[in-house]
Every structure is written in structure tokens, then in C-alpha cells.
N, C-alpha and C. Protein backbone atom coordinates (compact mmCIF):
# COMPACT_ATOMS: atom_id res chain seq x y z
N THR A 1 74.29 -1.47 28.01
CA THR A 1 75.88 -1.68 28.19
C THR A 1 76.31 -2.08 26.71
N LEU A 2 77.68 -1.95 26.69
CA LEU A 2 78.15 -2.21 25.47
C LEU A 2 78.02 -3.83 24.84
N LYS A 3 78.04 -4.50 25.80
CA LYS A 3 77.89 -6.19 25.55
C LYS A 3 76.45 -6.33 24.91
N GLU A 4 75.28 -5.55 25.68
CA GLU A 4 73.88 -5.59 25.17
C GLU A 4 73.74 -5.30 23.74
N CYS A 5 74.34 -4.08 23.39
CA CYS A 5 74.40 -3.35 22.27
C CYS A 5 74.79 -4.17 21.14
N LYS A 6 75.90 -4.70 21.28
CA LYS A 6 76.83 -5.67 20.36
C LYS A 6 75.67 -6.90 20.16
N LYS A 7 75.13 -7.37 21.00
CA LYS A 7 73.92 -8.51 20.90
C LYS A 7 72.83 -8.10 20.20
N GLU A 8 72.36 -6.81 20.40
CA GLU A 8 71.27 -6.39 19.84
C GLU A 8 71.66 -6.21 18.30
N GLU A 9 72.79 -5.69 17.98
CA GLU A 9 73.39 -5.44 16.45
C GLU A 9 73.45 -6.92 15.79
N LYS A 10 73.96 -7.74 16.69
CA LYS A 10 74.15 -9.12 15.68
C LYS A 10 72.79 -9.72 15.63
N ALA A 11 71.67 -9.43 16.34
CA ALA A 11 70.43 -10.00 16.39
C ALA A 11 69.84 -9.39 15.02
N ASP A 12 70.11 -8.01 14.67
CA ASP A 12 69.46 -7.33 13.75
C ASP A 12 70.04 -7.65 12.49
N ARG A 13 71.38 -8.01 12.49
CA ARG A 13 72.00 -8.41 11.14
C ARG A 13 71.50 -9.67 10.73
N GLU A 14 71.43 -10.58 11.98
CA GLU A 14 70.66 -11.98 11.48
C GLU A 14 69.39 -11.85 10.74
N PHE A 15 68.53 -10.94 11.59
CA PHE A 15 67.28 -10.65 10.93
C PHE A 15 67.15 -10.39 9.59
N GLN A 16 68.18 -9.42 9.39
CA GLN A 16 68.19 -8.77 7.83
C GLN A 16 68.46 -9.83 6.92
N LYS A 17 69.57 -10.78 7.32
CA LYS A 17 70.04 -11.80 6.60
C LYS A 17 69.05 -12.77 6.09
N LYS A 18 68.13 -13.28 7.26
CA LYS A 18 67.18 -14.46 7.23
C LYS A 18 66.03 -13.91 6.30
N PHE A 19 65.42 -12.67 6.49
CA PHE A 19 64.42 -12.04 6.12
C PHE A 19 64.48 -11.25 4.88
N LYS A 20 65.93 -11.39 4.41
CA LYS A 20 66.19 -10.43 3.23
C LYS A 20 65.62 -9.10 3.22
N PHE A 21 65.71 -8.34 4.64
CA PHE A 21 65.26 -7.20 4.71
C PHE A 21 66.38 -6.17 4.49
N GLU A 22 66.02 -5.28 3.44
CA GLU A 22 67.04 -4.09 3.20
C GLU A 22 66.67 -2.83 4.15
N GLY A 23 67.93 -2.21 4.13
CA GLY A 23 67.58 -0.79 5.06
C GLY A 23 67.58 -0.96 6.72
N SER A 24 67.20 0.34 7.30
CA SER A 24 67.16 0.40 8.56
C SER A 24 65.85 -0.55 9.17
N ILE A 25 66.10 -0.91 10.33
CA ILE A 25 64.79 -1.46 10.90
C ILE A 25 64.16 -0.45 11.80
N ASN A 26 62.93 -0.14 11.26
CA ASN A 26 62.12 0.77 12.06
C ASN A 26 60.86 0.39 12.57
N VAL A 27 60.43 0.63 13.69
CA VAL A 27 59.15 0.21 14.34
C VAL A 27 58.10 1.11 13.89
N LEU A 28 57.25 0.44 13.06
CA LEU A 28 55.98 1.24 12.48
C LEU A 28 54.97 1.49 13.63
N THR A 29 54.53 0.53 14.32
CA THR A 29 53.60 0.73 15.60
C THR A 29 53.93 -0.57 16.57
N GLN A 30 53.11 -0.66 17.45
CA GLN A 30 52.85 -1.65 18.46
C GLN A 30 51.64 -2.20 18.32
N MET A 31 51.41 -3.60 18.37
CA MET A 31 50.13 -4.20 18.48
C MET A 31 50.17 -5.39 19.32
N MET A 32 49.02 -5.80 19.84
CA MET A 32 48.93 -6.87 20.91
C MET A 32 48.20 -8.05 20.28
N VAL A 33 49.01 -9.24 20.59
CA VAL A 33 48.57 -10.51 20.27
C VAL A 33 46.97 -10.74 21.02
N ASP A 34 46.08 -10.99 20.36
CA ASP A 34 44.67 -11.26 20.95
C ASP A 34 44.77 -12.15 22.03
N PRO A 35 44.25 -11.66 23.34
CA PRO A 35 44.33 -12.49 24.52
C PRO A 35 43.48 -13.94 24.27
N ALA A 36 42.56 -13.85 23.46
CA ALA A 36 41.74 -15.07 23.22
C ALA A 36 42.39 -15.94 21.96
N ALA A 37 43.63 -15.53 21.49
CA ALA A 37 44.06 -16.45 20.43
C ALA A 37 44.84 -17.59 21.28
N THR A 38 45.04 -18.69 20.24
CA THR A 38 45.72 -19.96 20.76
C THR A 38 47.15 -19.55 20.70
N GLU A 39 47.97 -20.11 21.67
CA GLU A 39 49.48 -19.76 21.66
C GLU A 39 49.98 -20.65 20.81
N LYS A 40 51.05 -20.30 20.23
CA LYS A 40 51.80 -21.22 19.15
C LYS A 40 53.24 -21.05 19.46
N SER A 41 53.97 -22.21 19.22
CA SER A 41 55.42 -22.11 19.42
C SER A 41 56.30 -21.52 18.30
N GLY A 42 55.54 -21.22 17.31
CA GLY A 42 56.44 -20.74 16.15
C GLY A 42 57.35 -21.63 15.43
N GLY A 43 58.50 -21.20 14.94
CA GLY A 43 59.20 -22.19 14.03
C GLY A 43 59.41 -21.60 12.59
N GLY A 44 60.39 -21.77 12.03
CA GLY A 44 60.81 -21.53 10.61
C GLY A 44 60.77 -19.95 10.92
N LYS A 45 60.04 -19.33 10.01
CA LYS A 45 60.05 -17.84 9.93
C LYS A 45 59.00 -17.18 10.79
N ASN A 46 58.19 -18.07 11.70
CA ASN A 46 56.98 -17.52 12.22
C ASN A 46 57.53 -17.53 13.93
N LEU A 47 57.10 -16.23 14.58
CA LEU A 47 57.32 -15.90 15.69
C LEU A 47 56.33 -16.65 16.83
N PRO A 48 56.89 -17.06 17.89
CA PRO A 48 56.21 -17.65 18.65
C PRO A 48 54.96 -16.75 19.34
N LEU A 49 53.68 -17.20 19.49
CA LEU A 49 52.84 -16.36 19.97
C LEU A 49 52.43 -16.58 21.49
N ARG A 50 52.39 -15.36 22.13
CA ARG A 50 51.85 -15.48 23.60
C ARG A 50 50.70 -14.65 23.78
N ARG A 51 49.61 -15.05 24.40
CA ARG A 51 48.57 -14.23 24.49
C ARG A 51 48.80 -12.87 25.19
N GLY A 52 48.34 -11.83 24.50
CA GLY A 52 48.41 -10.41 25.27
C GLY A 52 49.60 -9.86 25.27
N GLU A 53 50.57 -10.46 24.60
CA GLU A 53 52.24 -10.19 24.32
C GLU A 53 51.90 -8.75 23.44
N ILE A 54 52.71 -7.73 23.66
CA ILE A 54 52.88 -6.42 22.84
C ILE A 54 54.21 -6.65 22.08
N LEU A 55 53.89 -6.67 20.49
CA LEU A 55 54.71 -6.87 19.61
C LEU A 55 55.19 -5.38 18.74
N ASP A 56 56.34 -5.43 18.45
CA ASP A 56 56.81 -4.29 17.51
C ASP A 56 56.50 -4.54 16.13
N VAL A 57 55.82 -3.81 15.31
CA VAL A 57 55.43 -4.04 13.82
C VAL A 57 56.67 -3.55 13.23
N ILE A 58 57.17 -4.27 12.38
CA ILE A 58 58.51 -3.85 11.68
C ILE A 58 58.11 -3.78 10.24
N GLN A 59 57.13 -4.46 9.64
CA GLN A 59 56.52 -4.46 8.19
C GLN A 59 55.26 -5.14 8.04
N PHE A 60 54.32 -4.37 7.22
CA PHE A 60 53.09 -4.93 7.08
C PHE A 60 53.17 -5.81 5.59
N THR A 61 53.61 -7.00 5.63
CA THR A 61 54.02 -7.70 4.60
C THR A 61 52.91 -8.17 3.60
N ASN A 62 51.78 -8.69 3.98
CA ASN A 62 50.53 -8.79 3.25
C ASN A 62 49.50 -9.04 3.81
N GLN A 63 48.21 -9.50 3.18
CA GLN A 63 46.92 -9.41 3.98
C GLN A 63 46.95 -10.46 5.02
N GLU A 64 47.75 -11.34 4.97
CA GLU A 64 47.65 -12.30 6.00
C GLU A 64 48.72 -12.33 7.28
N GLN A 65 50.11 -11.64 6.97
CA GLN A 65 51.00 -11.59 7.81
C GLN A 65 51.52 -10.16 8.22
N ILE A 66 52.16 -10.08 9.24
CA ILE A 66 52.95 -8.98 9.66
C ILE A 66 54.17 -9.37 10.20
N LEU A 67 55.37 -8.66 9.86
CA LEU A 67 56.66 -8.99 10.30
C LEU A 67 56.74 -8.19 11.71
N CYS A 68 57.08 -8.95 12.89
CA CYS A 68 57.11 -8.48 14.14
C CYS A 68 58.50 -8.71 14.88
N ARG A 69 58.55 -8.06 15.78
CA ARG A 69 59.67 -8.36 16.91
C ARG A 69 59.10 -8.20 18.32
N ASN A 70 59.54 -9.32 19.03
CA ASN A 70 58.94 -9.50 20.46
C ASN A 70 59.97 -8.80 21.46
N SER A 71 59.57 -8.97 22.61
CA SER A 71 60.56 -8.08 23.75
C SER A 71 61.90 -8.94 23.86
N GLN A 72 62.15 -10.12 23.26
CA GLN A 72 63.61 -10.72 23.40
C GLN A 72 64.19 -10.48 22.10
N ARG A 73 63.74 -9.41 21.42
CA ARG A 73 64.35 -9.00 20.04
C ARG A 73 64.52 -10.34 19.09
N ARG A 74 63.55 -11.16 18.82
CA ARG A 74 63.30 -12.21 18.10
C ARG A 74 62.23 -11.85 17.03
N TYR A 75 62.46 -11.93 15.78
CA TYR A 75 61.76 -11.65 14.72
C TYR A 75 61.26 -12.68 14.14
N GLY A 76 59.85 -12.32 13.48
CA GLY A 76 59.19 -13.41 12.74
C GLY A 76 57.86 -12.78 12.32
N TYR A 77 57.14 -13.54 11.41
CA TYR A 77 55.92 -13.33 10.96
C TYR A 77 54.87 -13.65 12.04
N VAL A 78 53.74 -13.06 12.00
CA VAL A 78 52.61 -13.09 12.82
C VAL A 78 51.20 -12.99 12.08
N PRO A 79 50.51 -13.72 12.14
CA PRO A 79 48.96 -13.87 11.39
C PRO A 79 48.30 -12.44 11.78
N ARG A 80 47.87 -11.74 10.88
CA ARG A 80 47.09 -10.69 11.09
C ARG A 80 45.90 -10.87 11.86
N ALA A 81 45.33 -12.10 11.77
CA ALA A 81 44.15 -12.65 12.26
C ALA A 81 44.08 -12.43 14.05
N VAL A 82 45.29 -12.42 14.33
CA VAL A 82 45.34 -12.64 15.90
C VAL A 82 45.94 -11.11 16.52
N MET A 83 46.18 -10.17 15.82
CA MET A 83 46.82 -9.10 16.03
C MET A 83 45.67 -7.82 16.41
N LEU A 84 45.71 -7.10 17.54
CA LEU A 84 44.93 -6.13 17.85
C LEU A 84 45.56 -4.93 17.92
N GLN A 85 44.89 -3.68 17.54
CA GLN A 85 45.43 -2.40 17.77
C GLN A 85 45.45 -2.05 19.25
N LEU A 86 46.55 -1.16 19.56
CA LEU A 86 46.52 -0.78 21.03
C LEU A 86 45.84 0.37 21.17
């Protein structure tokens, strides 16, 4: 719906501002949070982690972290150590 579209656009703009992300937001791949990983509440720029959750990968930022988006369109960093290929 139009209301959902506007809400998604707003979330994307806030993400670009918070993370100083330039250009369009493209999903590179999808990865799963390791079912054996410890769940974390997130905070700051970190995404909350839930076991077995499928995340959209937006950017491979460095050797330790990946910039991801969850199913609620929330963005944040996730440790590479807890991510599995689908």
C-alpha cells in the first residue's frame, strides 16, 4: 500500500543518514544467523540478533562486520562470526 511504501522510504532515508550510506540500497545476498549463536538485543548501530533469522546483506563492511537489514526493515551491523551462507 501507499502508506507502507512511504514508511519504507522513510526507514531507508534514516538508514542512509545514520550510516552515512551513499547511493541506492541494494541487497547483495541473504545470510542466516547461526542457530547456535547467542541472541543479542543490539543497540547503537548493531542489529538485534535472533537465532535462525534470515537477513539481507547490504554491505560487507570489513573482516568483522556486515551491514544487514532484518525483516522489520531495521538496519545495523552484525558480526561475521555468527553469519552462515544459505
